[in-house]
């Protein structure tokens, strides 16, 4: 086995991302329409965790105090956020399509 797992590849087949709530992981999960259970413990992870819950794309657990029952309950809640996560992935794809279109237009204008 390699030094890391190819998260972007794995997320294509995942129903849920469980992680610390870092920006890259959340962005990759949402790009694939995968809801998130975040266990934030530092820096931007707290802001990302708040955004996850506010936008209905997953849920958050306190990594220092969550017990097994709470974690299981949060997983169920997050799995019920799949529809919102898929909508977010569609928004992300639409923005990427717009960026590609602008780039193509710029290339055409620059000749």
PDB file of N, CA and C in Angstrom:
ATOM      1  N   UNK A   1       0.837  -1.175   0.000  1.00  0.00           N
ATOM      2  CA  UNK A   1       0.000   0.000   0.000  1.00  0.00           C
ATOM      3  C   UNK A   1       0.882   1.238   0.000  1.00  0.00           C
ATOM      4  N   UNK A   2       0.424   2.291  -0.665  1.00  0.00           N
ATOM      5  CA  UNK A   2       1.188   3.523  -0.765  1.00  0.00           C
ATOM      6  C   UNK A   2       1.192   4.323   0.520  1.00  0.00           C
ATOM      7  N   UNK A   3       1.791   5.510   0.439  1.00  0.00           N
ATOM      8  CA  UNK A   3       1.893   6.383   1.610  1.00  0.00           C
ATOM      9  C   UNK A   3       0.600   7.121   1.903  1.00  0.00           C
ATOM     10  N   UNK A   4      -0.319   7.178   0.953  1.00  0.00           N
ATOM     11  CA  UNK A   4      -1.580   7.872   1.163  1.00  0.00           C
ATOM     12  C   UNK A   4      -2.671   7.205   0.343  1.00  0.00           C
ATOM     13  N   UNK A   5      -3.895   7.495   0.691  1.00  0.00           N
ATOM     14  CA  UNK A   5      -5.040   6.999  -0.075  1.00  0.00           C
ATOM     15  C   UNK A   5      -5.484   8.089  -1.041  1.00  0.00           C
ATOM     16  N   UNK A   6      -5.857   7.734  -2.255  1.00  0.00           N
ATOM     17  CA  UNK A   6      -6.298   8.738  -3.231  1.00  0.00           C
ATOM     18  C   UNK A   6      -7.734   9.194  -2.912  1.00  0.00           C
ATOM     19  N   UNK A   7      -7.843  10.185  -2.035  1.00  0.00           N
ATOM     20  CA  UNK A   7      -9.144  10.601  -1.531  1.00  0.00           C
ATOM     21  C   UNK A   7     -10.129  10.956  -2.635  1.00  0.00           C
ATOM     22  N   UNK A   8      -9.693  11.678  -3.652  1.00  0.00           N
ATOM     23  CA  UNK A   8     -10.610  12.069  -4.735  1.00  0.00           C
ATOM     24  C   UNK A   8     -11.186  10.839  -5.438  1.00  0.00           C
ATOM     25  N   UNK A   9     -10.388   9.817  -5.625  1.00  0.00           N
ATOM     26  CA  UNK A   9     -10.871   8.580  -6.239  1.00  0.00           C
ATOM     27  C   UNK A   9     -11.849   7.863  -5.312  1.00  0.00           C
ATOM     28  N   UNK A  10     -11.504   7.771  -4.059  1.00  0.00           N
ATOM     29  CA  UNK A  10     -12.344   7.073  -3.087  1.00  0.00           C
ATOM     30  C   UNK A  10     -13.690   7.779  -2.920  1.00  0.00           C
ATOM     31  N   UNK A  11     -13.685   9.098  -2.905  1.00  0.00           N
ATOM     32  CA  UNK A  11     -14.926   9.847  -2.681  1.00  0.00           C
ATOM     33  C   UNK A  11     -15.961   9.618  -3.779  1.00  0.00           C
ATOM     34  N   UNK A  12     -15.530   9.210  -4.948  1.00  0.00           N
ATOM     35  CA  UNK A  12     -16.483   8.900  -6.017  1.00  0.00           C
ATOM     36  C   UNK A  12     -17.385   7.728  -5.641  1.00  0.00           C
ATOM     37  N   UNK A  13     -16.939   6.909  -4.699  1.00  0.00           N
ATOM     38  CA  UNK A  13     -17.678   5.716  -4.293  1.00  0.00           C
ATOM     39  C   UNK A  13     -18.197   5.793  -2.848  1.00  0.00           C
ATOM     40  N   UNK A  14     -17.920   6.901  -2.173  1.00  0.00           N
ATOM     41  CA  UNK A  14     -18.250   7.023  -0.749  1.00  0.00           C
ATOM     42  C   UNK A  14     -19.661   7.572  -0.536  1.00  0.00           C
ATOM     43  N   UNK A  15     -20.257   7.179   0.573  1.00  0.00           N
ATOM     44  CA  UNK A  15     -21.539   7.731   1.000  1.00  0.00           C
ATOM     45  C   UNK A  15     -21.349   8.836   2.016  1.00  0.00           C
ATOM     46  N   UNK A  16     -20.162   8.913   2.619  1.00  0.00           N
ATOM     47  CA  UNK A  16     -19.929   9.841   3.717  1.00  0.00           C
ATOM     48  C   UNK A  16     -18.434  10.063   3.900  1.00  0.00           C
ATOM     49  N   UNK A  17     -18.058  11.295   4.237  1.00  0.00           N
ATOM     50  CA  UNK A  17     -16.672  11.590   4.619  1.00  0.00           C
ATOM     51  C   UNK A  17     -16.662  11.868   6.114  1.00  0.00           C
ATOM     52  N   UNK A  18     -15.819  11.162   6.839  1.00  0.00           N
ATOM     53  CA  UNK A  18     -15.604  11.413   8.259  1.00  0.00           C
ATOM     54  C   UNK A  18     -14.168  11.895   8.386  1.00  0.00           C
ATOM     55  N   UNK A  19     -13.992  13.126   8.877  1.00  0.00           N
ATOM     56  CA  UNK A  19     -12.649  13.674   8.974  1.00  0.00           C
ATOM     57  C   UNK A  19     -12.591  14.880   9.880  1.00  0.00           C
ATOM     58  N   UNK A  20     -11.451  15.553   9.874  1.00  0.00           N
ATOM     59  CA  UNK A  20     -11.245  16.684  10.775  1.00  0.00           C
ATOM     60  C   UNK A  20     -11.910  17.971  10.297  1.00  0.00           C
ATOM     61  N   UNK A  21     -12.397  17.988   9.078  1.00  0.00           N
ATOM     62  CA  UNK A  21     -13.085  19.176   8.583  1.00  0.00           C
ATOM     63  C   UNK A  21     -12.174  20.184   7.919  1.00  0.00           C
ATOM     64  N   UNK A  22     -11.048  19.723   7.430  1.00  0.00           N
ATOM     65  CA  UNK A  22     -10.144  20.615   6.707  1.00  0.00           C
ATOM     66  C   UNK A  22     -10.751  21.046   5.381  1.00  0.00           C
ATOM     67  N   UNK A  23     -10.363  22.202   4.921  1.00  0.00           N
ATOM     68  CA  UNK A  23     -10.939  22.786   3.714  1.00  0.00           C
ATOM     69  C   UNK A  23     -10.808  21.881   2.495  1.00  0.00           C
ATOM     70  N   UNK A  24      -9.650  21.286   2.288  1.00  0.00           N
ATOM     71  CA  UNK A  24      -9.464  20.436   1.106  1.00  0.00           C
ATOM     72  C   UNK A  24     -10.391  19.231   1.123  1.00  0.00           C
ATOM     73  N   UNK A  25     -10.482  18.564   2.257  1.00  0.00           N
ATOM     74  CA  UNK A  25     -11.344  17.380   2.344  1.00  0.00           C
ATOM     75  C   UNK A  25     -12.811  17.738   2.128  1.00  0.00           C
ATOM     76  N   UNK A  26     -13.241  18.842   2.729  1.00  0.00           N
ATOM     77  CA  UNK A  26     -14.641  19.253   2.559  1.00  0.00           C
ATOM     78  C   UNK A  26     -14.919  19.619   1.110  1.00  0.00           C
ATOM     79  N   UNK A  27     -14.020  20.357   0.503  1.00  0.00           N
ATOM     80  CA  UNK A  27     -14.197  20.738  -0.901  1.00  0.00           C
ATOM     81  C   UNK A  27     -14.261  19.502  -1.787  1.00  0.00           C
ATOM     82  N   UNK A  28     -13.382  18.550  -1.553  1.00  0.00           N
ATOM     83  CA  UNK A  28     -13.372  17.324  -2.349  1.00  0.00           C
ATOM     84  C   UNK A  28     -14.636  16.503  -2.113  1.00  0.00           C
ATOM     85  N   UNK A  29     -15.102  16.436  -0.872  1.00  0.00           N
ATOM     86  CA  UNK A  29     -16.341  15.702  -0.582  1.00  0.00           C
ATOM     87  C   UNK A  29     -17.512  16.353  -1.308  1.00  0.00           C
ATOM     88  N   UNK A  30     -17.613  17.669  -1.212  1.00  0.00           N
ATOM     89  CA  UNK A  30     -18.737  18.358  -1.848  1.00  0.00           C
ATOM     90  C   UNK A  30     -18.666  18.291  -3.362  1.00  0.00           C
ATOM     91  N   UNK A  31     -17.481  18.324  -3.919  1.00  0.00           N
ATOM     92  CA  UNK A  31     -17.342  18.190  -5.373  1.00  0.00           C
ATOM     93  C   UNK A  31     -17.899  16.852  -5.839  1.00  0.00           C
ATOM     94  N   UNK A  32     -17.921  15.871  -4.930  1.00  0.00           N
ATOM     95  CA  UNK A  32     -18.441  14.540  -5.250  1.00  0.00           C
ATOM     96  C   UNK A  32     -19.829  14.287  -4.677  1.00  0.00           C
ATOM     97  N   UNK A  33     -20.446  15.311  -4.087  1.00  0.00           N
ATOM     98  CA  UNK A  33     -21.790  15.155  -3.537  1.00  0.00           C
ATOM     99  C   UNK A  33     -21.856  14.272  -2.308  1.00  0.00           C
ATOM    100  N   UNK A  34     -20.787  14.280  -1.519  1.00  0.00           N
ATOM    101  CA  UNK A  34     -20.686  13.419  -0.340  1.00  0.00           C
ATOM    102  C   UNK A  34     -20.838  14.275   0.926  1.00  0.00           C
ATOM    103  N   UNK A  35     -21.804  13.951   1.784  1.00  0.00           N
ATOM    104  CA  UNK A  35     -21.943  14.696   3.036  1.00  0.00           C
ATOM    105  C   UNK A  35     -20.786  14.404   3.989  1.00  0.00           C
ATOM    106  N   UNK A  36     -20.682  15.231   5.038  1.00  0.00           N
ATOM    107  CA  UNK A  36     -19.508  15.209   5.912  1.00  0.00           C
ATOM    108  C   UNK A  36     -19.906  15.108   7.384  1.00  0.00           C
ATOM    109  N   UNK A  37     -19.143  14.306   8.142  1.00  0.00           N
ATOM    110  CA  UNK A  37     -19.143  14.391   9.604  1.00  0.00           C
ATOM    111  C   UNK A  37     -17.756  14.911   9.963  1.00  0.00           C
ATOM    112  N   UNK A  38     -17.721  16.113  10.527  1.00  0.00           N
ATOM    113  CA  UNK A  38     -16.439  16.745  10.847  1.00  0.00           C
ATOM    114  C   UNK A  38     -16.151  16.656  12.341  1.00  0.00           C
ATOM    115  N   UNK A  39     -14.895  16.424  12.644  1.00  0.00           N
ATOM    116  CA  UNK A  39     -14.375  16.410  14.011  1.00  0.00           C
ATOM    117  C   UNK A  39     -13.285  17.478  14.098  1.00  0.00           C
ATOM    118  N   UNK A  40     -13.649  18.762  14.098  1.00  0.00           N
ATOM    119  CA  UNK A  40     -12.639  19.825  14.045  1.00  0.00           C
ATOM    120  C   UNK A  40     -11.819  19.909  15.333  1.00  0.00           C
ATOM    121  N   UNK A  41     -10.525  20.180  15.167  1.00  0.00           N
ATOM    122  CA  UNK A  41      -9.681  20.326  16.346  1.00  0.00           C
ATOM    123  C   UNK A  41      -8.696  21.487  16.230  1.00  0.00           C
ATOM    124  N   UNK A  42      -8.650  22.196  15.081  1.00  0.00           N
ATOM    125  CA  UNK A  42      -7.696  23.303  14.937  1.00  0.00           C
ATOM    126  C   UNK A  42      -8.100  24.244  13.811  1.00  0.00           C
ATOM    127  N   UNK A  43      -7.614  25.426  13.872  1.00  0.00           N
ATOM    128  CA  UNK A  43      -7.657  26.505  12.879  1.00  0.00           C
ATOM    129  C   UNK A  43      -8.951  26.603  12.071  1.00  0.00           C
ATOM    130  N   UNK A  44      -8.842  26.516  10.734  1.00  0.00           N
ATOM    131  CA  UNK A  44      -9.989  26.720   9.838  1.00  0.00           C
ATOM    132  C   UNK A  44     -11.065  25.651   9.980  1.00  0.00           C
ATOM    133  N   UNK A  45     -10.749  24.574  10.643  1.00  0.00           N
ATOM    134  CA  UNK A  45     -11.691  23.460  10.759  1.00  0.00           C
ATOM    135  C   UNK A  45     -12.958  23.863  11.519  1.00  0.00           C
ATOM    136  N   UNK A  46     -12.844  24.774  12.472  1.00  0.00           N
ATOM    137  CA  UNK A  46     -14.021  25.209  13.231  1.00  0.00           C
ATOM    138  C   UNK A  46     -14.963  26.030  12.350  1.00  0.00           C
ATOM    139  N   UNK A  47     -14.389  26.902  11.526  1.00  0.00           N
ATOM    140  CA  UNK A  47     -15.193  27.693  10.599  1.00  0.00           C
ATOM    141  C   UNK A  47     -15.860  26.770   9.578  1.00  0.00           C
ATOM    142  N   UNK A  48     -15.115  25.820   9.054  1.00  0.00           N
ATOM    143  CA  UNK A  48     -15.664  24.875   8.085  1.00  0.00           C
ATOM    144  C   UNK A  48     -16.780  24.042   8.705  1.00  0.00           C
ATOM    145  N   UNK A  49     -16.589  23.635   9.952  1.00  0.00           N
ATOM    146  CA  UNK A  49     -17.601  22.839  10.650  1.00  0.00           C
ATOM    147  C   UNK A  49     -18.904  23.625  10.778  1.00  0.00           C
ATOM    148  N   UNK A  50     -18.793  24.905  11.109  1.00  0.00           N
ATOM    149  CA  UNK A  50     -19.977  25.745  11.223  1.00  0.00           C
ATOM    150  C   UNK A  50     -20.686  25.839   9.868  1.00  0.00           C
ATOM    151  N   UNK A  51     -19.920  25.996   8.805  1.00  0.00           N
ATOM    152  CA  UNK A  51     -20.497  26.097   7.460  1.00  0.00           C
ATOM    153  C   UNK A  51     -21.169  24.786   7.046  1.00  0.00           C
ATOM    154  N   UNK A  52     -20.597  23.662   7.444  1.00  0.00           N
ATOM    155  CA  UNK A  52     -21.185  22.353   7.128  1.00  0.00           C
ATOM    156  C   UNK A  52     -22.594  22.267   7.702  1.00  0.00           C
ATOM    157  N   UNK A  53     -22.723  22.610   8.965  1.00  0.00           N
ATOM    158  CA  UNK A  53     -24.038  22.513   9.612  1.00  0.00           C
ATOM    159  C   UNK A  53     -25.000  23.580   9.100  1.00  0.00           C
ATOM    160  N   UNK A  54     -24.527  24.811   8.918  1.00  0.00           N
ATOM    161  CA  UNK A  54     -25.399  25.895   8.456  1.00  0.00           C
ATOM    162  C   UNK A  54     -25.965  25.630   7.067  1.00  0.00           C
ATOM    163  N   UNK A  55     -25.210  24.908   6.248  1.00  0.00           N
ATOM    164  CA  UNK A  55     -25.639  24.640   4.876  1.00  0.00           C
ATOM    165  C   UNK A  55     -26.270  23.266   4.698  1.00  0.00           C
ATOM    166  N   UNK A  56     -26.423  22.532   5.788  1.00  0.00           N
ATOM    167  CA  UNK A  56     -27.101  21.246   5.731  1.00  0.00           C
ATOM    168  C   UNK A  56     -26.391  20.186   4.913  1.00  0.00           C
ATOM    169  N   UNK A  57     -25.049  20.253   4.888  1.00  0.00           N
ATOM    170  CA  UNK A  57     -24.285  19.292   4.097  1.00  0.00           C
ATOM    171  C   UNK A  57     -23.554  18.275   4.964  1.00  0.00           C
ATOM    172  N   UNK A  58     -23.925  18.237   6.227  1.00  0.00           N
ATOM    173  CA  UNK A  58     -23.325  17.287   7.152  1.00  0.00           C
ATOM    174  C   UNK A  58     -23.523  17.745   8.570  1.00  0.00           C
ATOM    175  N   UNK A  59     -22.684  17.222   9.443  1.00  0.00           N
ATOM    176  CA  UNK A  59     -22.793  17.544  10.864  1.00  0.00           C
ATOM    177  C   UNK A  59     -21.410  17.529  11.503  1.00  0.00           C
ATOM    178  N   UNK A  60     -21.380  17.907  12.775  1.00  0.00           N
ATOM    179  CA  UNK A  60     -20.107  18.102  13.470  1.00  0.00           C
ATOM    180  C   UNK A  60     -20.132  17.394  14.822  1.00  0.00           C
ATOM    181  N   UNK A  61     -18.998  16.822  15.197  1.00  0.00           N
ATOM    182  CA  UNK A  61     -18.811  16.207  16.516  1.00  0.00           C
ATOM    183  C   UNK A  61     -17.604  16.850  17.188  1.00  0.00           C
ATOM    184  N   UNK A  62     -17.690  16.970  18.500  1.00  0.00           N
ATOM    185  CA  UNK A  62     -16.545  17.434  19.286  1.00  0.00           C
ATOM    186  C   UNK A  62     -15.598  16.244  19.449  1.00  0.00           C
ATOM    187  N   UNK A  63     -14.397  16.317  18.881  1.00  0.00           N
ATOM    188  CA  UNK A  63     -13.498  15.156  18.930  1.00  0.00           C
ATOM    189  C   UNK A  63     -13.037  14.802  20.339  1.00  0.00           C
ATOM    190  N   UNK A  64     -13.172  15.727  21.270  1.00  0.00           N
ATOM    191  CA  UNK A  64     -12.712  15.473  22.635  1.00  0.00           C
ATOM    192  C   UNK A  64     -13.793  14.925  23.553  1.00  0.00           C
ATOM    193  N   UNK A  65     -15.062  15.000  23.126  1.00  0.00           N
ATOM    194  CA  UNK A  65     -16.130  14.617  24.041  1.00  0.00           C
ATOM    195  C   UNK A  65     -17.191  13.688  23.454  1.00  0.00           C
ATOM    196  N   UNK A  66     -17.174  13.443  22.174  1.00  0.00           N
ATOM    197  CA  UNK A  66     -18.216  12.605  21.552  1.00  0.00           C
ATOM    198  C   UNK A  66     -18.041  11.147  21.969  1.00  0.00           C
ATOM    199  N   UNK A  67     -19.166  10.522  22.321  1.00  0.00           N
ATOM    200  CA  UNK A  67     -19.125   9.091  22.625  1.00  0.00           C
ATOM    201  C   UNK A  67     -19.677   8.323  21.419  1.00  0.00           C
ATOM    202  N   UNK A  68     -19.663   7.027  21.503  1.00  0.00           N
ATOM    203  CA  UNK A  68     -20.062   6.172  20.382  1.00  0.00           C
ATOM    204  C   UNK A  68     -21.499   6.458  19.956  1.00  0.00           C
ATOM    205  N   UNK A  69     -22.400   6.605  20.907  1.00  0.00           N
ATOM    206  CA  UNK A  69     -23.805   6.870  20.572  1.00  0.00           C
ATOM    207  C   UNK A  69     -23.957   8.187  19.813  1.00  0.00           C
ATOM    208  N   UNK A  70     -23.263   9.221  20.265  1.00  0.00           N
ATOM    209  CA  UNK A  70     -23.350  10.514  19.582  1.00  0.00           C
ATOM    210  C   UNK A  70     -22.777  10.424  18.174  1.00  0.00           C
ATOM    211  N   UNK A  71     -21.665   9.752  18.029  1.00  0.00           N
ATOM    212  CA  UNK A  71     -21.041   9.609  16.707  1.00  0.00           C
ATOM    213  C   UNK A  71     -21.987   8.871  15.760  1.00  0.00           C
ATOM    214  N   UNK A  72     -22.581   7.784  16.222  1.00  0.00           N
ATOM    215  CA  UNK A  72     -23.526   7.036  15.387  1.00  0.00           C
ATOM    216  C   UNK A  72     -24.710   7.904  14.998  1.00  0.00           C
ATOM    217  N   UNK A  73     -25.204   8.677  15.944  1.00  0.00           N
ATOM    218  CA  UNK A  73     -26.324   9.575  15.672  1.00  0.00           C
ATOM    219  C   UNK A  73     -25.934  10.639  14.642  1.00  0.00           C
ATOM    220  N   UNK A  74     -24.733  11.190  14.756  1.00  0.00           N
ATOM    221  CA  UNK A  74     -24.260  12.209  13.810  1.00  0.00           C
ATOM    222  C   UNK A  74     -24.085  11.617  12.413  1.00  0.00           C
ATOM    223  N   UNK A  75     -23.653  10.375  12.332  1.00  0.00           N
ATOM    224  CA  UNK A  75     -23.514   9.712  11.032  1.00  0.00           C
ATOM    225  C   UNK A  75     -24.874   9.600  10.352  1.00  0.00           C
ATOM    226  N   UNK A  76     -25.891   9.220  11.099  1.00  0.00           N
ATOM    227  CA  UNK A  76     -27.238   9.116  10.539  1.00  0.00           C
ATOM    228  C   UNK A  76     -27.720  10.478  10.052  1.00  0.00           C
ATOM    229  N   UNK A  77     -27.498  11.510  10.855  1.00  0.00           N
ATOM    230  CA  UNK A  77     -27.889  12.870  10.458  1.00  0.00           C
ATOM    231  C   UNK A  77     -27.176  13.256   9.163  1.00  0.00           C
ATOM    232  N   UNK A  78     -25.875  13.018   9.103  1.00  0.00           N
ATOM    233  CA  UNK A  78     -25.102  13.397   7.918  1.00  0.00           C
ATOM    234  C   UNK A  78     -25.559  12.639   6.677  1.00  0.00           C
ATOM    235  N   UNK A  79     -25.860  11.361   6.818  1.00  0.00           N
ATOM    236  CA  UNK A  79     -26.328  10.600   5.656  1.00  0.00           C
ATOM    237  C   UNK A  79     -27.649  11.149   5.117  1.00  0.00           C
ATOM    238  N   UNK A  80     -28.414  11.783   5.983  1.00  0.00           N
ATOM    239  CA  UNK A  80     -29.650  12.430   5.541  1.00  0.00           C
ATOM    240  C   UNK A  80     -29.405  13.782   4.876  1.00  0.00           C
ATOM    241  N   UNK A  81     -28.152  14.181   4.776  1.00  0.00           N
ATOM    242  CA  UNK A  81     -27.775  15.436   4.122  1.00  0.00           C
ATOM    243  C   UNK A  81     -27.283  15.215   2.692  1.00  0.00           C
ATOM    244  N   UNK A  82     -27.412  14.010   2.190  1.00  0.00           N
ATOM    245  CA  UNK A  82     -26.889  13.686   0.859  1.00  0.00           C
ATOM    246  C   UNK A  82     -27.483  14.578  -0.220  1.00  0.00           C
ATOM    247  N   UNK A  83     -28.771  14.840  -0.159  1.00  0.00           N
ATOM    248  CA  UNK A  83     -29.411  15.675  -1.183  1.00  0.00           C
ATOM    249  C   UNK A  83     -28.759  17.045  -1.238  1.00  0.00           C
ATOM    250  N   UNK A  84     -28.542  17.663  -0.080  1.00  0.00           N
ATOM    251  CA  UNK A  84     -27.905  18.986  -0.038  1.00  0.00           C
ATOM    252  C   UNK A  84     -26.468  18.918  -0.551  1.00  0.00           C
ATOM    253  N   UNK A  85     -25.761  17.849  -0.222  1.00  0.00           N
ATOM    254  CA  UNK A  85     -24.381  17.693  -0.693  1.00  0.00           C
ATOM    255  C   UNK A  85     -24.339  17.558  -2.210  1.00  0.00           C
ATOM    256  N   UNK A  86     -25.302  16.840  -2.777  1.00  0.00           N
ATOM    257  CA  UNK A  86     -25.371  16.694  -4.236  1.00  0.00           C
ATOM    258  C   UNK A  86     -25.673  18.044  -4.886  1.00  0.00           C
ATOM    259  N   UNK A  87     -26.580  18.808  -4.291  1.00  0.00           N
ATOM    260  CA  UNK A  87     -26.860  20.161  -4.813  1.00  0.00           C
ATOM    261  C   UNK A  87     -25.603  21.019  -4.781  1.00  0.00           C
ATOM    262  N   UNK A  88     -24.842  20.918  -3.708  1.00  0.00           N
ATOM    263  CA  UNK A  88     -23.586  21.671  -3.618  1.00  0.00           C
ATOM    264  C   UNK A  88     -22.620  21.244  -4.712  1.00  0.00           C
ATOM    265  N   UNK A  89     -22.552  19.945  -4.999  1.00  0.00           N
ATOM    266  CA  UNK A  89     -21.649  19.470  -6.051  1.00  0.00           C
ATOM    267  C   UNK A  89     -22.068  20.017  -7.414  1.00  0.00           C
ATOM    268  N   UNK A  90     -23.361  20.133  -7.631  1.00  0.00           N
ATOM    269  CA  UNK A  90     -23.850  20.700  -8.898  1.00  0.00           C
ATOM    270  C   UNK A  90     -23.484  22.176  -9.011  1.00  0.00           C
ATOM    271  N   UNK A  91     -23.580  22.901  -7.897  1.00  0.00           N
ATOM    272  CA  UNK A  91     -23.180  24.313  -7.895  1.00  0.00           C
ATOM    273  C   UNK A  91     -21.687  24.454  -8.193  1.00  0.00           C
ATOM    274  N   UNK A  92     -20.882  23.589  -7.580  1.00  0.00           N
ATOM    275  CA  UNK A  92     -19.432  23.626  -7.806  1.00  0.00           C
ATOM    276  C   UNK A  92     -19.128  23.345  -9.275  1.00  0.00           C
ATOM    277  N   UNK A  93     -19.789  22.348  -9.841  1.00  0.00           N
ATOM    278  CA  UNK A  93     -19.562  22.003 -11.255  1.00  0.00           C
ATOM    279  C   UNK A  93     -19.973  23.152 -12.171  1.00  0.00           C
ATOM    280  N   UNK A  94     -21.079  23.817 -11.860  1.00  0.00           N
ATOM    281  CA  UNK A  94     -21.536  24.931 -12.683  1.00  0.00           C
ATOM    282  C   UNK A  94     -20.529  26.079 -12.647  1.00  0.00           C
ATOM    283  N   UNK A  95     -19.957  26.339 -11.481  1.00  0.00           N
ATOM    284  CA  UNK A  95     -18.950  27.397 -11.371  1.00  0.00           C
ATOM    285  C   UNK A  95     -17.707  27.040 -12.175  1.00  0.00           C
ATOM    286  N   UNK A  96     -17.324  25.780 -12.125  1.00  0.00           N
ATOM    287  CA  UNK A  96     -16.156  25.338 -12.892  1.00  0.00           C
ATOM    288  C   UNK A  96     -16.424  25.475 -14.394  1.00  0.00           C
ATOM    289  N   UNK A  97     -17.629  25.135 -14.833  1.00  0.00           N
ATOM    290  CA  UNK A  97     -17.991  25.298 -16.245  1.00  0.00           C
ATOM    291  C   UNK A  97     -17.892  26.765 -16.660  1.00  0.00           C
ATOM    292  N   UNK A  98     -18.324  27.671 -15.795  1.00  0.00           N
ATOM    293  CA  UNK A  98     -18.247  29.107 -16.096  1.00  0.00           C
ATOM    294  C   UNK A  98     -16.796  29.548 -16.212  1.00  0.00           C
ATOM    295  N   UNK A  99     -15.939  29.065 -15.308  1.00  0.00           N
ATOM    296  CA  UNK A  99     -14.515  29.437 -15.369  1.00  0.00           C
ATOM    297  C   UNK A  99     -13.890  28.934 -16.670  1.00  0.00           C
ATOM    298  N   UNK A 100     -14.238  27.718 -17.074  1.00  0.00           N
ATOM    299  CA  UNK A 100     -13.706  27.170 -18.330  1.00  0.00           C
ATOM    300  C   UNK A 100     -14.177  27.992 -19.527  1.00  0.00           C
ATOM    301  N   UNK A 101     -15.441  28.399 -19.510  1.00  0.00           N
ATOM    302  CA  UNK A 101     -15.991  29.185 -20.616  1.00  0.00           C
ATOM    303  C   UNK A 101     -15.286  30.537 -20.714  1.00  0.00           C
ATOM    304  N   UNK A 102     -15.057  31.185 -19.588  1.00  0.00           N
ATOM    305  CA  UNK A 102     -14.363  32.477 -19.596  1.00  0.00           C
ATOM    306  C   UNK A 102     -12.942  32.306 -20.105  1.00  0.00           C
ATOM    307  N   UNK A 103     -12.259  31.269 -19.662  1.00  0.00           N
ATOM    308  CA  UNK A 103     -10.889  31.018 -20.110  1.00  0.00           C
ATOM    309  C   UNK A 103     -10.853  30.783 -21.617  1.00  0.00           C
ATOM    310  N   UNK A 104     -11.797  29.996 -22.110  1.00  0.00           N
ATOM    311  CA  UNK A 104     -11.848  29.729 -23.547  1.00  0.00           C
ATOM    312  C   UNK A 104     -12.104  31.016 -24.331  1.00  0.00           C
ATOM    313  N   UNK A 105     -13.009  31.848 -23.840  1.00  0.00           N
ATOM    314  CA  UNK A 105     -13.297  33.122 -24.509  1.00  0.00           C
ATOM    315  C   UNK A 105     -12.053  34.005 -24.517  1.00  0.00           C
ATOM    316  N   UNK A 106     -11.327  34.063 -23.405  1.00  0.00           N
ATOM    317  CA  UNK A 106     -10.096  34.850 -23.339  1.00  0.00           C
ATOM    318  C   UNK A 106      -9.077  34.343 -24.357  1.00  0.00           C
ATOM    319  N   UNK A 107      -8.935  33.029 -24.447  1.00  0.00           N
ATOM    320  CA  UNK A 107      -7.999  32.449 -25.424  1.00  0.00           C
ATOM    321  C   UNK A 107      -8.405  32.824 -26.836  1.00  0.00           C
ATOM    322  N   UNK A 108      -9.700  32.793 -27.126  1.00  0.00           N
ATOM    323  CA  UNK A 108     -10.175  33.118 -28.466  1.00  0.00           C
ATOM    324  C   UNK A 108      -9.934  34.600 -28.784  1.00  0.00           C
ATOM    325  N   UNK A 109     -10.140  35.467 -27.815  1.00  0.00           N
ATOM    326  CA  UNK A 109      -9.954  36.896 -28.024  1.00  0.00           C
ATOM    327  C   UNK A 109      -8.482  37.255 -28.187  1.00  0.00           C
ATOM    328  N   UNK A 110      -7.619  36.538 -27.486  1.00  0.00           N
ATOM    329  CA  UNK A 110      -6.184  36.796 -27.573  1.00  0.00           C
ATOM    330  C   UNK A 110      -5.596  36.202 -28.846  1.00  0.00           C
ATOM    331  N   UNK A 111      -6.375  35.329 -29.497  1.00  0.00           N
ATOM    332  CA  UNK A 111      -6.042  34.768 -30.786  1.00  0.00           C
ATOM    333  C   UNK A 111      -4.913  33.856 -30.815  1.00  0.00           C
TER     334      UNK A 111
END
